[in-house]
Amino acid sequence: MRTYRVTFHIRGHYYEEHVTCSSSAAARDAITARYPQATGITVRTA
């Protein structure tokens, strides 16, 4: 498991969350599951 820093936008607001997942794709999936309206998602290792 790794911690990823995920940044994204919702309705013009900028958000950043740290997510612990097995892969960057899983981290992205976790954010899209939690925030279906998120756009511009970027995943980086924290």
N, C-alpha and C. Protein backbone atom coordinates (compact mmCIF):
# COMPACT_ATOMS: atom_id res chain seq x y z
N MET A 1 0.85 -1.19 0.00
CA MET A 1 0.00 0.00 0.00
C MET A 1 0.88 1.25 0.00
N ARG A 2 0.46 2.24 -0.77
CA ARG A 2 1.17 3.51 -0.83
C ARG A 2 0.18 4.64 -0.58
N THR A 3 0.72 5.76 -0.17
CA THR A 3 -0.12 6.94 0.01
C THR A 3 0.05 7.84 -1.21
N TYR A 4 -1.08 8.23 -1.77
CA TYR A 4 -1.10 9.08 -2.95
C TYR A 4 -1.74 10.41 -2.61
N ARG A 5 -1.21 11.46 -3.23
CA ARG A 5 -1.80 12.79 -3.09
C ARG A 5 -2.64 13.02 -4.33
N VAL A 6 -3.94 13.14 -4.13
CA VAL A 6 -4.87 13.29 -5.25
C VAL A 6 -5.42 14.71 -5.22
N THR A 7 -5.27 15.42 -6.33
CA THR A 7 -5.84 16.76 -6.45
C THR A 7 -6.92 16.72 -7.50
N PHE A 8 -7.97 17.53 -7.29
CA PHE A 8 -9.10 17.53 -8.22
C PHE A 8 -9.92 18.79 -8.01
N HIS A 9 -10.84 19.02 -8.92
CA HIS A 9 -11.72 20.18 -8.86
C HIS A 9 -13.16 19.71 -8.79
N ILE A 10 -13.96 20.44 -8.03
CA ILE A 10 -15.41 20.24 -8.01
C ILE A 10 -16.05 21.62 -8.10
N ARG A 11 -16.76 21.84 -9.21
CA ARG A 11 -17.44 23.12 -9.42
C ARG A 11 -16.52 24.32 -9.19
N GLY A 12 -15.32 24.25 -9.75
CA GLY A 12 -14.41 25.39 -9.66
C GLY A 12 -13.61 25.48 -8.38
N HIS A 13 -13.84 24.59 -7.44
CA HIS A 13 -13.08 24.59 -6.19
C HIS A 13 -12.01 23.51 -6.26
N TYR A 14 -10.85 23.82 -5.69
CA TYR A 14 -9.69 22.94 -5.74
C TYR A 14 -9.62 22.13 -4.44
N TYR A 15 -9.39 20.84 -4.56
CA TYR A 15 -9.30 19.97 -3.39
C TYR A 15 -8.06 19.11 -3.48
N GLU A 16 -7.57 18.72 -2.34
CA GLU A 16 -6.44 17.79 -2.27
C GLU A 16 -6.72 16.80 -1.15
N GLU A 17 -6.54 15.53 -1.44
CA GLU A 17 -6.72 14.49 -0.43
C GLU A 17 -5.59 13.49 -0.50
N HIS A 18 -5.29 12.89 0.63
CA HIS A 18 -4.31 11.81 0.66
C HIS A 18 -5.08 10.50 0.79
N VAL A 19 -4.75 9.58 -0.09
CA VAL A 19 -5.45 8.30 -0.15
C VAL A 19 -4.41 7.19 -0.11
N THR A 20 -4.66 6.18 0.71
CA THR A 20 -3.76 5.03 0.77
C THR A 20 -4.39 3.89 -0.02
N CYS A 21 -3.72 3.51 -1.11
CA CYS A 21 -4.23 2.46 -1.99
C CYS A 21 -3.07 1.64 -2.52
N SER A 22 -3.40 0.59 -3.24
CA SER A 22 -2.36 -0.28 -3.79
C SER A 22 -1.76 0.27 -5.07
N SER A 23 -2.49 1.16 -5.75
CA SER A 23 -1.98 1.70 -7.01
C SER A 23 -2.57 3.09 -7.25
N SER A 24 -1.97 3.82 -8.18
CA SER A 24 -2.50 5.15 -8.50
C SER A 24 -3.89 5.04 -9.12
N ALA A 25 -4.12 3.98 -9.89
CA ALA A 25 -5.45 3.79 -10.48
C ALA A 25 -6.49 3.56 -9.39
N ALA A 26 -6.13 2.80 -8.37
CA ALA A 26 -7.05 2.56 -7.26
C ALA A 26 -7.32 3.85 -6.49
N ALA A 27 -6.30 4.68 -6.35
CA ALA A 27 -6.48 5.96 -5.66
C ALA A 27 -7.45 6.84 -6.45
N ARG A 28 -7.29 6.88 -7.77
CA ARG A 28 -8.19 7.65 -8.63
C ARG A 28 -9.62 7.11 -8.52
N ASP A 29 -9.75 5.78 -8.53
CA ASP A 29 -11.08 5.17 -8.41
C ASP A 29 -11.73 5.51 -7.07
N ALA A 30 -10.93 5.56 -6.00
CA ALA A 30 -11.47 5.88 -4.69
C ALA A 30 -12.03 7.30 -4.67
N ILE A 31 -11.32 8.23 -5.33
CA ILE A 31 -11.79 9.61 -5.36
C ILE A 31 -13.04 9.73 -6.22
N THR A 32 -13.05 9.08 -7.37
CA THR A 32 -14.23 9.18 -8.24
C THR A 32 -15.44 8.52 -7.59
N ALA A 33 -15.21 7.49 -6.77
CA ALA A 33 -16.32 6.86 -6.05
C ALA A 33 -16.87 7.80 -4.98
N ARG A 34 -15.96 8.51 -4.30
CA ARG A 34 -16.37 9.41 -3.22
C ARG A 34 -16.93 10.72 -3.74
N TYR A 35 -16.35 11.19 -4.86
CA TYR A 35 -16.76 12.47 -5.45
C TYR A 35 -17.05 12.27 -6.93
N PRO A 36 -18.25 11.80 -7.27
CA PRO A 36 -18.57 11.50 -8.67
C PRO A 36 -18.43 12.71 -9.59
N GLN A 37 -18.54 13.93 -9.03
CA GLN A 37 -18.49 15.13 -9.86
C GLN A 37 -17.08 15.71 -9.99
N ALA A 38 -16.08 15.02 -9.45
CA ALA A 38 -14.71 15.52 -9.50
C ALA A 38 -14.19 15.52 -10.93
N THR A 39 -13.44 16.58 -11.27
CA THR A 39 -12.82 16.68 -12.59
C THR A 39 -11.35 17.05 -12.42
N GLY A 40 -10.58 16.87 -13.47
CA GLY A 40 -9.17 17.26 -13.45
C GLY A 40 -8.38 16.52 -12.38
N ILE A 41 -8.64 15.24 -12.22
CA ILE A 41 -7.99 14.47 -11.15
C ILE A 41 -6.54 14.17 -11.53
N THR A 42 -5.64 14.50 -10.63
CA THR A 42 -4.24 14.11 -10.79
C THR A 42 -3.82 13.32 -9.56
N VAL A 43 -3.02 12.28 -9.78
CA VAL A 43 -2.57 11.40 -8.71
C VAL A 43 -1.04 11.44 -8.68
N ARG A 44 -0.49 11.74 -7.50
CA ARG A 44 0.96 11.73 -7.32
C ARG A 44 1.28 10.97 -6.05
N THR A 45 2.47 10.43 -5.98
CA THR A 45 2.88 9.80 -4.73
C THR A 45 3.10 10.88 -3.68
N ALA A 46 2.65 10.62 -2.48
CA ALA A 46 2.72 11.64 -1.42
C ALA A 46 4.10 11.64 -0.78
